[in-house]
Amino acid sequence: MLGDLENQLIALIKDSPLGLRLKTVDSLPDTPDKDVIKRWGLDAPAAYVVAMDGSISQAVATPQFVVVLVARNARGHQAARRGDGKTIGLYQMLDAGIAELHGGQTEDASWQVNRYQFLQEDALREQGLHVALVQLQADTDPPQKEAVNLGEFLEFHADYDLEPHTPAEHPRWLDENHDAPAPDMHSHINPQEGT
């Protein structure tokens, strides 16, 4: 359900007049915090979609998503916020995003925007980035057992390592260097062949 809804929101934004003005429309990258700001700077103007906590009540699921809007402009903060006629600004992105998403229809949901927020992080400002979050939700059917296809369970893999409190190896675990040496034992189990 969530993966489908995320893809539908990405397609909704990409196919909108806003999407045509953006360099990047994608799911929020799974990038370490120290690198995400660099990536946002390279991808701006951009919109990223990510699922948030949702709720289920009776027979209705209410998934929530956030669309992260990122603007940047070499002409300065006013152009980054308001646009300069060539590059879209954050305020324009926010207006267009709300207009497109509030009441927006995708294959599995009808969306409602319920909040927006500007990020005021120093690290963003230092990179000349202006960022806003648009939170939206939809009421939809919860996943059904028949519709969930996890595929066959083909293989189980596990790495076993030493106990983290073994006195001789404790400093390595404290440094969070779990790569060296290699795990003490590997185990591969194919359930169809037995153990």
N, C-alpha and C. Protein backbone atom coordinates (compact mmCIF):
# COMPACT_ATOMS: atom_id res chain seq x y z
N MET A 1 0.81 -1.19 0.00
CA MET A 1 0.00 0.00 0.00
C MET A 1 0.86 1.26 0.00
N LEU A 2 1.79 1.37 0.97
CA LEU A 2 2.57 2.60 1.10
C LEU A 2 3.48 2.83 -0.10
N GLY A 3 4.10 1.77 -0.60
CA GLY A 3 4.96 1.92 -1.78
C GLY A 3 4.16 2.38 -2.99
N ASP A 4 2.97 1.81 -3.17
CA ASP A 4 2.12 2.23 -4.29
C ASP A 4 1.70 3.68 -4.14
N LEU A 5 1.30 4.08 -2.93
CA LEU A 5 0.87 5.46 -2.72
C LEU A 5 2.02 6.44 -2.93
N GLU A 6 3.22 6.07 -2.48
CA GLU A 6 4.39 6.93 -2.69
C GLU A 6 4.65 7.12 -4.19
N ASN A 7 4.61 6.02 -4.94
CA ASN A 7 4.82 6.12 -6.39
C ASN A 7 3.74 6.95 -7.07
N GLN A 8 2.50 6.82 -6.60
CA GLN A 8 1.41 7.59 -7.18
C GLN A 8 1.57 9.09 -6.90
N LEU A 9 2.02 9.43 -5.69
CA LEU A 9 2.26 10.84 -5.38
C LEU A 9 3.40 11.41 -6.22
N ILE A 10 4.46 10.64 -6.39
CA ILE A 10 5.57 11.08 -7.23
C ILE A 10 5.08 11.33 -8.65
N ALA A 11 4.27 10.42 -9.19
CA ALA A 11 3.74 10.59 -10.55
C ALA A 11 2.82 11.79 -10.62
N LEU A 12 2.00 12.01 -9.58
CA LEU A 12 1.10 13.17 -9.56
C LEU A 12 1.89 14.47 -9.64
N ILE A 13 2.97 14.56 -8.89
CA ILE A 13 3.79 15.78 -8.90
C ILE A 13 4.53 15.92 -10.22
N LYS A 14 5.12 14.82 -10.71
CA LYS A 14 5.87 14.88 -11.97
C LYS A 14 5.01 15.35 -13.13
N ASP A 15 3.75 14.91 -13.16
CA ASP A 15 2.86 15.23 -14.28
C ASP A 15 2.17 16.58 -14.13
N SER A 16 2.43 17.28 -13.04
CA SER A 16 1.78 18.57 -12.79
C SER A 16 2.60 19.71 -13.37
N PRO A 17 2.01 20.90 -13.48
CA PRO A 17 2.80 22.08 -13.90
C PRO A 17 4.01 22.33 -12.98
N LEU A 18 3.87 22.02 -11.69
CA LEU A 18 5.00 22.15 -10.78
C LEU A 18 6.12 21.20 -11.17
N GLY A 19 5.78 19.95 -11.45
CA GLY A 19 6.79 18.95 -11.80
C GLY A 19 7.61 19.34 -13.01
N LEU A 20 6.99 20.04 -13.94
CA LEU A 20 7.71 20.48 -15.14
C LEU A 20 8.76 21.54 -14.83
N ARG A 21 8.65 22.21 -13.69
CA ARG A 21 9.60 23.25 -13.31
C ARG A 21 10.69 22.76 -12.38
N LEU A 22 10.60 21.49 -11.96
CA LEU A 22 11.56 20.95 -11.00
C LEU A 22 12.62 20.12 -11.69
N LYS A 23 13.81 20.12 -11.12
CA LYS A 23 14.90 19.30 -11.63
C LYS A 23 14.74 17.85 -11.18
N THR A 24 14.21 17.67 -9.95
CA THR A 24 14.11 16.34 -9.37
C THR A 24 12.76 16.17 -8.68
N VAL A 25 12.09 15.05 -8.94
CA VAL A 25 10.92 14.61 -8.18
C VAL A 25 11.15 13.13 -7.92
N ASP A 26 11.25 12.76 -6.64
CA ASP A 26 11.63 11.38 -6.31
C ASP A 26 11.22 11.08 -4.88
N SER A 27 11.44 9.83 -4.45
CA SER A 27 11.25 9.51 -3.04
C SER A 27 12.44 10.08 -2.27
N LEU A 28 12.23 10.35 -1.00
CA LEU A 28 13.29 10.94 -0.18
C LEU A 28 14.46 9.97 -0.13
N PRO A 29 15.66 10.41 -0.49
CA PRO A 29 16.79 9.48 -0.53
C PRO A 29 17.19 9.03 0.87
N ASP A 30 17.62 7.79 0.96
CA ASP A 30 18.12 7.24 2.22
C ASP A 30 19.60 7.56 2.30
N THR A 31 19.87 8.82 2.59
CA THR A 31 21.23 9.33 2.60
C THR A 31 21.57 9.78 4.01
N PRO A 32 22.79 9.54 4.50
CA PRO A 32 23.16 10.03 5.83
C PRO A 32 22.97 11.54 5.92
N ASP A 33 22.62 12.02 7.10
CA ASP A 33 22.32 13.44 7.31
C ASP A 33 23.42 14.36 6.77
N LYS A 34 24.67 13.96 6.95
CA LYS A 34 25.76 14.84 6.52
C LYS A 34 25.80 14.99 5.01
N ASP A 35 25.26 14.01 4.27
CA ASP A 35 25.30 14.06 2.81
C ASP A 35 24.00 14.55 2.18
N VAL A 36 22.89 14.50 2.93
CA VAL A 36 21.61 14.84 2.33
C VAL A 36 21.56 16.31 1.91
N ILE A 37 22.18 17.18 2.66
CA ILE A 37 22.15 18.61 2.31
C ILE A 37 22.92 18.85 1.02
N LYS A 38 24.06 18.17 0.85
CA LYS A 38 24.81 18.29 -0.40
C LYS A 38 23.96 17.80 -1.57
N ARG A 39 23.31 16.67 -1.38
CA ARG A 39 22.47 16.11 -2.46
C ARG A 39 21.32 17.05 -2.78
N TRP A 40 20.66 17.59 -1.76
CA TRP A 40 19.56 18.52 -1.99
C TRP A 40 20.04 19.73 -2.79
N GLY A 41 21.24 20.21 -2.47
CA GLY A 41 21.78 21.35 -3.19
C GLY A 41 22.01 21.04 -4.66
N LEU A 42 22.45 19.84 -4.98
CA LEU A 42 22.67 19.44 -6.37
C LEU A 42 21.36 19.23 -7.11
N ASP A 43 20.34 18.72 -6.41
CA ASP A 43 19.08 18.36 -7.05
C ASP A 43 18.08 19.51 -7.14
N ALA A 44 18.29 20.60 -6.40
CA ALA A 44 17.30 21.69 -6.33
C ALA A 44 17.15 22.39 -7.68
N PRO A 45 15.94 22.85 -8.01
CA PRO A 45 14.70 22.75 -7.23
C PRO A 45 14.17 21.32 -7.30
N ALA A 46 13.69 20.85 -6.14
CA ALA A 46 13.32 19.44 -6.05
C ALA A 46 12.13 19.23 -5.13
N ALA A 47 11.48 18.09 -5.32
CA ALA A 47 10.42 17.62 -4.42
C ALA A 47 10.68 16.16 -4.11
N TYR A 48 10.67 15.83 -2.84
CA TYR A 48 10.89 14.46 -2.39
C TYR A 48 9.67 14.00 -1.59
N VAL A 49 9.26 12.77 -1.79
CA VAL A 49 8.09 12.21 -1.12
C VAL A 49 8.54 11.14 -0.13
N VAL A 50 7.96 11.15 1.08
CA VAL A 50 8.28 10.14 2.08
C VAL A 50 7.05 9.85 2.93
N ALA A 51 6.85 8.57 3.26
CA ALA A 51 5.74 8.16 4.12
C ALA A 51 6.05 8.50 5.57
N MET A 52 5.01 8.88 6.28
CA MET A 52 5.12 9.17 7.71
C MET A 52 4.17 8.23 8.47
N ASP A 53 4.07 8.43 9.77
CA ASP A 53 3.17 7.61 10.56
C ASP A 53 1.73 7.85 10.11
N GLY A 54 0.96 6.79 10.04
CA GLY A 54 -0.44 6.89 9.69
C GLY A 54 -1.28 6.23 10.78
N SER A 55 -2.56 6.06 10.49
CA SER A 55 -3.44 5.43 11.47
C SER A 55 -4.44 4.54 10.74
N ILE A 56 -5.01 3.60 11.50
CA ILE A 56 -6.06 2.74 10.98
C ILE A 56 -7.17 2.72 12.02
N SER A 57 -8.38 3.01 11.57
CA SER A 57 -9.54 3.01 12.45
C SER A 57 -10.67 2.28 11.74
N GLN A 58 -11.16 1.22 12.37
CA GLN A 58 -12.20 0.39 11.77
C GLN A 58 -11.68 -0.13 10.42
N ALA A 59 -12.36 0.22 9.33
CA ALA A 59 -11.97 -0.29 8.02
C ALA A 59 -11.35 0.80 7.16
N VAL A 60 -10.80 1.84 7.80
CA VAL A 60 -10.22 2.95 7.04
C VAL A 60 -8.78 3.17 7.49
N ALA A 61 -7.88 3.16 6.52
CA ALA A 61 -6.47 3.49 6.77
C ALA A 61 -6.26 4.95 6.39
N THR A 62 -5.50 5.67 7.20
CA THR A 62 -5.19 7.07 6.91
C THR A 62 -3.68 7.23 6.85
N PRO A 63 -3.09 6.90 5.69
CA PRO A 63 -1.65 7.10 5.54
C PRO A 63 -1.33 8.59 5.44
N GLN A 64 -0.18 8.96 5.96
CA GLN A 64 0.29 10.34 5.86
C GLN A 64 1.64 10.35 5.16
N PHE A 65 1.82 11.35 4.34
CA PHE A 65 3.07 11.55 3.62
C PHE A 65 3.53 12.98 3.79
N VAL A 66 4.81 13.19 3.58
CA VAL A 66 5.36 14.54 3.55
C VAL A 66 6.05 14.71 2.20
N VAL A 67 5.82 15.86 1.59
CA VAL A 67 6.55 16.25 0.40
C VAL A 67 7.53 17.34 0.83
N VAL A 68 8.81 17.07 0.62
CA VAL A 68 9.88 18.00 0.98
C VAL A 68 10.20 18.82 -0.27
N LEU A 69 10.01 20.13 -0.19
CA LEU A 69 10.30 21.02 -1.31
C LEU A 69 11.61 21.75 -1.04
N VAL A 70 12.53 21.72 -1.98
CA VAL A 70 13.86 22.30 -1.80
C VAL A 70 14.12 23.31 -2.92
N ALA A 71 14.46 24.54 -2.53
CA ALA A 71 14.77 25.59 -3.51
C ALA A 71 16.16 26.14 -3.23
N ARG A 72 16.79 26.60 -4.31
CA ARG A 72 18.11 27.22 -4.21
C ARG A 72 18.26 28.16 -5.39
N ASN A 73 18.91 29.29 -5.16
CA ASN A 73 19.13 30.23 -6.24
C ASN A 73 20.43 30.99 -5.98
N ALA A 74 21.31 31.01 -6.96
CA ALA A 74 22.60 31.68 -6.82
C ALA A 74 22.44 33.18 -6.66
N ARG A 75 21.28 33.73 -7.00
CA ARG A 75 21.06 35.17 -6.87
C ARG A 75 20.73 35.60 -5.45
N GLY A 76 20.62 34.63 -4.54
CA GLY A 76 20.40 34.99 -3.14
C GLY A 76 19.11 34.47 -2.55
N HIS A 77 18.90 34.83 -1.28
CA HIS A 77 17.77 34.27 -0.53
C HIS A 77 16.42 34.74 -1.06
N GLN A 78 16.31 35.98 -1.51
CA GLN A 78 15.01 36.44 -2.02
C GLN A 78 14.63 35.70 -3.30
N ALA A 79 15.57 35.50 -4.19
CA ALA A 79 15.29 34.75 -5.42
C ALA A 79 14.99 33.29 -5.11
N ALA A 80 15.67 32.73 -4.09
CA ALA A 80 15.40 31.34 -3.70
C ALA A 80 13.99 31.20 -3.15
N ARG A 81 13.53 32.20 -2.43
CA ARG A 81 12.18 32.13 -1.87
C ARG A 81 11.11 32.50 -2.88
N ARG A 82 11.34 33.56 -3.65
CA ARG A 82 10.30 34.10 -4.53
C ARG A 82 10.44 33.72 -5.99
N GLY A 83 11.58 33.18 -6.37
CA GLY A 83 11.83 32.87 -7.78
C GLY A 83 12.40 34.10 -8.47
N ASP A 84 12.96 33.89 -9.66
CA ASP A 84 13.57 35.01 -10.39
C ASP A 84 13.12 35.06 -11.85
N GLY A 85 12.05 34.34 -12.17
CA GLY A 85 11.58 34.31 -13.55
C GLY A 85 12.20 33.19 -14.36
N LYS A 86 13.35 32.68 -13.91
CA LYS A 86 14.00 31.55 -14.58
C LYS A 86 13.90 30.30 -13.72
N THR A 87 14.23 30.44 -12.44
CA THR A 87 14.20 29.32 -11.51
C THR A 87 13.07 29.55 -10.52
N ILE A 88 12.28 28.50 -10.31
CA ILE A 88 11.14 28.60 -9.41
C ILE A 88 11.62 28.80 -7.98
N GLY A 89 10.89 29.60 -7.20
CA GLY A 89 11.21 29.85 -5.81
C GLY A 89 10.39 28.99 -4.88
N LEU A 90 10.78 28.94 -3.62
CA LEU A 90 10.13 28.09 -2.64
C LEU A 90 8.66 28.46 -2.45
N TYR A 91 8.34 29.76 -2.40
CA TYR A 91 6.95 30.16 -2.22
C TYR A 91 6.10 29.68 -3.41
N GLN A 92 6.62 29.80 -4.61
CA GLN A 92 5.90 29.33 -5.79
C GLN A 92 5.73 27.81 -5.75
N MET A 93 6.78 27.11 -5.33
CA MET A 93 6.70 25.66 -5.21
C MET A 93 5.64 25.25 -4.20
N LEU A 94 5.62 25.96 -3.06
CA LEU A 94 4.67 25.65 -2.01
C LEU A 94 3.23 25.91 -2.47
N ASP A 95 2.99 27.06 -3.09
CA ASP A 95 1.64 27.37 -3.60
C ASP A 95 1.19 26.33 -4.63
N ALA A 96 2.06 26.02 -5.57
CA ALA A 96 1.71 25.06 -6.62
C ALA A 96 1.54 23.66 -6.04
N GLY A 97 2.39 23.29 -5.09
CA GLY A 97 2.29 21.97 -4.47
C GLY A 97 1.00 21.79 -3.70
N ILE A 98 0.63 22.79 -2.92
CA ILE A 98 -0.63 22.71 -2.17
C ILE A 98 -1.81 22.66 -3.13
N ALA A 99 -1.79 23.51 -4.16
CA ALA A 99 -2.89 23.53 -5.14
C ALA A 99 -3.04 22.17 -5.84
N GLU A 100 -1.93 21.53 -6.14
CA GLU A 100 -1.97 20.25 -6.84
C GLU A 100 -2.35 19.10 -5.91
N LEU A 101 -1.81 19.11 -4.69
CA LEU A 101 -1.99 17.98 -3.79
C LEU A 101 -3.30 18.02 -3.00
N HIS A 102 -3.77 19.21 -2.64
CA HIS A 102 -5.01 19.31 -1.87
C HIS A 102 -6.19 19.01 -2.79
N GLY A 103 -6.80 17.87 -2.58
CA GLY A 103 -7.86 17.42 -3.47
C GLY A 103 -7.33 16.62 -4.64
N GLY A 104 -6.03 16.37 -4.65
CA GLY A 104 -5.42 15.60 -5.73
C GLY A 104 -5.91 14.16 -5.72
N GLN A 105 -6.05 13.59 -6.89
CA GLN A 105 -6.54 12.23 -7.04
C GLN A 105 -5.44 11.34 -7.61
N THR A 106 -5.22 10.21 -6.96
CA THR A 106 -4.35 9.18 -7.52
C THR A 106 -5.18 7.90 -7.61
N GLU A 107 -4.60 6.87 -8.15
CA GLU A 107 -5.34 5.63 -8.37
C GLU A 107 -5.99 5.09 -7.10
N ASP A 108 -5.29 5.17 -5.97
CA ASP A 108 -5.79 4.56 -4.74
C ASP A 108 -6.22 5.54 -3.66
N ALA A 109 -6.16 6.85 -3.92
CA ALA A 109 -6.46 7.79 -2.83
C ALA A 109 -6.86 9.16 -3.36
N SER A 110 -7.59 9.85 -2.50
CA SER A 110 -7.90 11.26 -2.69
C SER A 110 -7.19 12.00 -1.56
N TRP A 111 -6.33 12.95 -1.88
CA TRP A 111 -5.40 13.54 -0.92
C TRP A 111 -5.89 14.87 -0.38
N GLN A 112 -5.55 15.13 0.88
CA GLN A 112 -5.84 16.40 1.53
C GLN A 112 -4.57 16.90 2.22
N VAL A 113 -4.19 18.13 1.94
CA VAL A 113 -3.05 18.75 2.64
C VAL A 113 -3.57 19.24 3.98
N ASN A 114 -2.84 18.94 5.05
CA ASN A 114 -3.28 19.39 6.36
C ASN A 114 -2.26 20.27 7.09
N ARG A 115 -1.10 20.50 6.47
CA ARG A 115 -0.10 21.33 7.16
C ARG A 115 1.06 21.61 6.23
N TYR A 116 1.70 22.76 6.43
CA TYR A 116 2.99 23.00 5.80
C TYR A 116 3.90 23.67 6.83
N GLN A 117 5.19 23.53 6.62
CA GLN A 117 6.17 24.02 7.59
C GLN A 117 7.46 24.39 6.86
N PHE A 118 8.06 25.50 7.28
CA PHE A 118 9.37 25.89 6.74
C PHE A 118 10.46 25.41 7.68
N LEU A 119 11.51 24.82 7.12
CA LEU A 119 12.65 24.39 7.94
C LEU A 119 13.61 25.58 8.08
N GLN A 120 14.05 25.79 9.30
CA GLN A 120 14.92 26.94 9.60
C GLN A 120 16.28 26.48 10.12
N GLU A 121 16.79 25.39 9.60
CA GLU A 121 18.06 24.84 10.07
C GLU A 121 19.23 25.69 9.59
N ASP A 122 20.20 25.92 10.47
CA ASP A 122 21.40 26.68 10.11
C ASP A 122 22.16 26.00 8.97
N ALA A 123 22.24 24.66 9.02
CA ALA A 123 22.99 23.93 7.99
C ALA A 123 22.38 24.15 6.61
N LEU A 124 21.07 24.29 6.53
CA LEU A 124 20.41 24.55 5.24
C LEU A 124 20.75 25.94 4.75
N ARG A 125 20.64 26.91 5.64
CA ARG A 125 20.92 28.31 5.26
C ARG A 125 22.37 28.49 4.82
N GLU A 126 23.28 27.79 5.48
CA GLU A 126 24.70 27.90 5.11
C GLU A 126 24.95 27.42 3.69
N GLN A 127 24.11 26.51 3.19
CA GLN A 127 24.24 26.00 1.82
C GLN A 127 23.33 26.74 0.84
N GLY A 128 22.63 27.77 1.32
CA GLY A 128 21.74 28.54 0.46
C GLY A 128 20.47 27.81 0.10
N LEU A 129 20.07 26.83 0.91
CA LEU A 129 18.88 26.05 0.63
C LEU A 129 17.69 26.57 1.43
N HIS A 130 16.54 26.58 0.78
CA HIS A 130 15.29 26.95 1.43
C HIS A 130 14.35 25.76 1.27
N VAL A 131 13.82 25.28 2.41
CA VAL A 131 13.10 24.01 2.42
C VAL A 131 11.76 24.17 3.14
N ALA A 132 10.72 23.59 2.54
CA ALA A 132 9.41 23.53 3.18
C ALA A 132 8.88 22.11 3.10
N LEU A 133 8.10 21.74 4.10
CA LEU A 133 7.47 20.43 4.16
C LEU A 133 5.97 20.60 3.98
N VAL A 134 5.37 19.76 3.15
CA VAL A 134 3.92 19.75 2.97
C VAL A 134 3.43 18.39 3.45
N GLN A 135 2.59 18.39 4.49
CA GLN A 135 2.06 17.14 5.02
C GLN A 135 0.67 16.91 4.43
N LEU A 136 0.43 15.69 3.96
CA LEU A 136 -0.86 15.36 3.40
C LEU A 136 -1.27 13.96 3.81
N GLN A 137 -2.56 13.70 3.70
CA GLN A 137 -3.08 12.40 4.09
C GLN A 137 -4.24 12.02 3.19
N ALA A 138 -4.59 10.75 3.26
CA ALA A 138 -5.72 10.25 2.50
C ALA A 138 -6.41 9.17 3.31
N ASP A 139 -7.70 9.01 3.09
CA ASP A 139 -8.43 7.88 3.65
C ASP A 139 -8.53 6.83 2.56
N THR A 140 -8.12 5.63 2.87
CA THR A 140 -8.11 4.56 1.88
C THR A 140 -8.36 3.22 2.57
N ASP A 141 -8.53 2.19 1.79
CA ASP A 141 -8.71 0.85 2.35
C ASP A 141 -7.39 0.35 2.91
N PRO A 142 -7.43 -0.30 4.09
CA PRO A 142 -6.18 -0.88 4.60
C PRO A 142 -5.78 -2.08 3.74
N PRO A 143 -4.54 -2.49 3.82
CA PRO A 143 -4.10 -3.66 3.04
C PRO A 143 -4.91 -4.89 3.43
N GLN A 144 -5.21 -5.72 2.44
CA GLN A 144 -5.94 -6.96 2.64
C GLN A 144 -4.99 -8.14 2.44
N LYS A 145 -5.22 -9.21 3.16
CA LYS A 145 -4.33 -10.38 3.08
C LYS A 145 -4.17 -10.88 1.65
N GLU A 146 -5.27 -10.91 0.91
CA GLU A 146 -5.21 -11.42 -0.46
C GLU A 146 -4.33 -10.55 -1.37
N ALA A 147 -4.25 -9.27 -1.04
CA ALA A 147 -3.54 -8.33 -1.91
C ALA A 147 -2.05 -8.25 -1.58
N VAL A 148 -1.65 -8.77 -0.42
CA VAL A 148 -0.25 -8.68 -0.01
C VAL A 148 0.50 -9.89 -0.55
N ASN A 149 1.44 -9.65 -1.44
CA ASN A 149 2.22 -10.73 -2.03
C ASN A 149 3.69 -10.54 -1.64
N LEU A 150 4.11 -11.31 -0.68
CA LEU A 150 5.49 -11.21 -0.22
C LEU A 150 6.44 -12.10 -1.01
N GLY A 151 5.88 -12.91 -1.91
CA GLY A 151 6.72 -13.82 -2.68
C GLY A 151 7.14 -15.00 -1.82
N GLU A 152 7.87 -15.91 -2.44
CA GLU A 152 8.35 -17.09 -1.73
C GLU A 152 9.52 -16.73 -0.83
N PHE A 153 9.59 -17.37 0.32
CA PHE A 153 10.73 -17.22 1.22
C PHE A 153 11.79 -18.18 0.73
N LEU A 154 12.78 -17.67 0.00
CA LEU A 154 13.74 -18.52 -0.68
C LEU A 154 15.00 -18.81 0.11
N GLU A 155 15.44 -17.82 0.88
CA GLU A 155 16.73 -18.01 1.54
C GLU A 155 16.80 -17.13 2.77
N PHE A 156 17.40 -17.65 3.81
CA PHE A 156 17.67 -16.88 5.02
C PHE A 156 19.18 -16.80 5.18
N HIS A 157 19.68 -15.60 5.43
CA HIS A 157 21.12 -15.40 5.62
C HIS A 157 21.33 -14.71 6.96
N ALA A 158 22.30 -15.17 7.71
CA ALA A 158 22.63 -14.54 8.99
C ALA A 158 24.14 -14.53 9.17
N ASP A 159 24.63 -13.47 9.78
CA ASP A 159 26.03 -13.38 10.18
C ASP A 159 26.07 -13.42 11.71
N TYR A 160 26.88 -14.30 12.24
CA TYR A 160 27.04 -14.39 13.68
C TYR A 160 28.39 -13.81 14.03
N ASP A 161 28.40 -13.03 15.07
CA ASP A 161 29.66 -12.40 15.47
C ASP A 161 29.84 -12.61 16.98
N LEU A 162 30.97 -12.21 17.47
CA LEU A 162 31.29 -12.35 18.87
C LEU A 162 30.35 -11.53 19.73
N GLU A 163 30.27 -11.88 20.95
CA GLU A 163 29.46 -11.12 21.89
C GLU A 163 30.07 -9.72 22.05
N PRO A 164 29.25 -8.67 22.06
CA PRO A 164 29.81 -7.32 22.13
C PRO A 164 30.53 -7.03 23.44
N HIS A 165 30.30 -7.83 24.46
CA HIS A 165 30.93 -7.54 25.74
C HIS A 165 32.12 -8.45 26.03
N THR A 166 32.62 -9.15 25.00
CA THR A 166 33.83 -9.93 25.18
C THR A 166 34.96 -8.94 25.48
N PRO A 167 35.63 -9.05 26.61
CA PRO A 167 36.59 -8.02 27.02
C PRO A 167 37.63 -7.68 25.96
N ALA A 168 38.17 -8.65 25.25
CA ALA A 168 39.23 -8.37 24.28
C ALA A 168 38.70 -7.58 23.08
N GLU A 169 37.43 -7.72 22.74
CA GLU A 169 36.87 -7.07 21.56
C GLU A 169 36.00 -5.87 21.89
N HIS A 170 35.82 -5.58 23.18
CA HIS A 170 34.95 -4.49 23.58
C HIS A 170 35.35 -3.15 22.96
N PRO A 171 36.63 -2.78 22.89
CA PRO A 171 36.98 -1.49 22.26
C PRO A 171 36.52 -1.38 20.80
N ARG A 172 36.60 -2.48 20.06
CA ARG A 172 36.16 -2.45 18.67
C ARG A 172 34.67 -2.14 18.59
N TRP A 173 33.88 -2.76 19.46
CA TRP A 173 32.44 -2.52 19.45
C TRP A 173 32.13 -1.10 19.90
N LEU A 174 32.88 -0.56 20.83
CA LEU A 174 32.66 0.81 21.26
C LEU A 174 32.90 1.79 20.12
N ASP A 175 33.89 1.48 19.27
CA ASP A 175 34.19 2.34 18.11
C ASP A 175 33.21 2.11 16.97
N GLU A 176 32.27 1.20 17.15
CA GLU A 176 31.26 0.86 16.15
C GLU A 176 31.88 0.40 14.84
N ASN A 177 33.02 -0.27 14.93
CA ASN A 177 33.63 -0.85 13.75
C ASN A 177 33.28 -2.32 13.73
N HIS A 178 32.11 -2.63 13.14
CA HIS A 178 31.63 -4.00 13.13
C HIS A 178 32.04 -4.74 11.86
N ASP A 179 32.85 -4.10 11.03
CA ASP A 179 33.25 -4.72 9.77
C ASP A 179 34.54 -5.53 9.88
N ALA A 180 35.34 -5.23 10.89
CA ALA A 180 36.62 -5.90 10.96
C ALA A 180 36.78 -6.54 12.33
N PRO A 181 37.15 -7.75 12.44
CA PRO A 181 37.29 -8.71 11.37
C PRO A 181 35.93 -9.14 10.86
N ALA A 182 35.92 -10.01 9.85
CA ALA A 182 34.69 -10.51 9.26
C ALA A 182 33.89 -11.27 10.31
N PRO A 183 32.59 -11.48 10.09
CA PRO A 183 31.79 -12.24 11.06
C PRO A 183 32.40 -13.60 11.34
N ASP A 184 32.19 -14.09 12.55
CA ASP A 184 32.75 -15.37 12.97
C ASP A 184 32.14 -16.54 12.21
N MET A 185 30.88 -16.41 11.79
CA MET A 185 30.22 -17.51 11.12
C MET A 185 29.12 -16.97 10.21
N HIS A 186 28.92 -17.60 9.05
CA HIS A 186 27.82 -17.30 8.14
C HIS A 186 26.87 -18.48 8.13
N SER A 187 25.59 -18.20 7.91
CA SER A 187 24.63 -19.28 7.80
C SER A 187 23.65 -18.95 6.66
N HIS A 188 23.51 -19.88 5.73
CA HIS A 188 22.54 -19.76 4.66
C HIS A 188 21.58 -20.94 4.78
N ILE A 189 20.29 -20.63 4.81
CA ILE A 189 19.28 -21.68 4.93
C ILE A 189 18.29 -21.51 3.81
N ASN A 190 18.06 -22.57 3.05
CA ASN A 190 17.03 -22.58 2.03
C ASN A 190 15.86 -23.38 2.59
N PRO A 191 14.72 -22.71 2.94
CA PRO A 191 13.60 -23.42 3.58
C PRO A 191 13.06 -24.58 2.75
N GLN A 192 13.13 -24.49 1.43
CA GLN A 192 12.61 -25.58 0.60
C GLN A 192 13.46 -26.84 0.71
N GLU A 193 14.74 -26.70 1.08
CA GLU A 193 15.64 -27.85 1.18
C GLU A 193 15.74 -28.36 2.61
N GLY A 194 15.16 -27.66 3.55
CA GLY A 194 15.26 -28.04 4.95
C GLY A 194 16.51 -27.46 5.57
N THR A 195 16.75 -27.74 6.81
CA THR A 195 17.92 -27.17 7.51
C THR A 195 19.08 -28.13 7.53
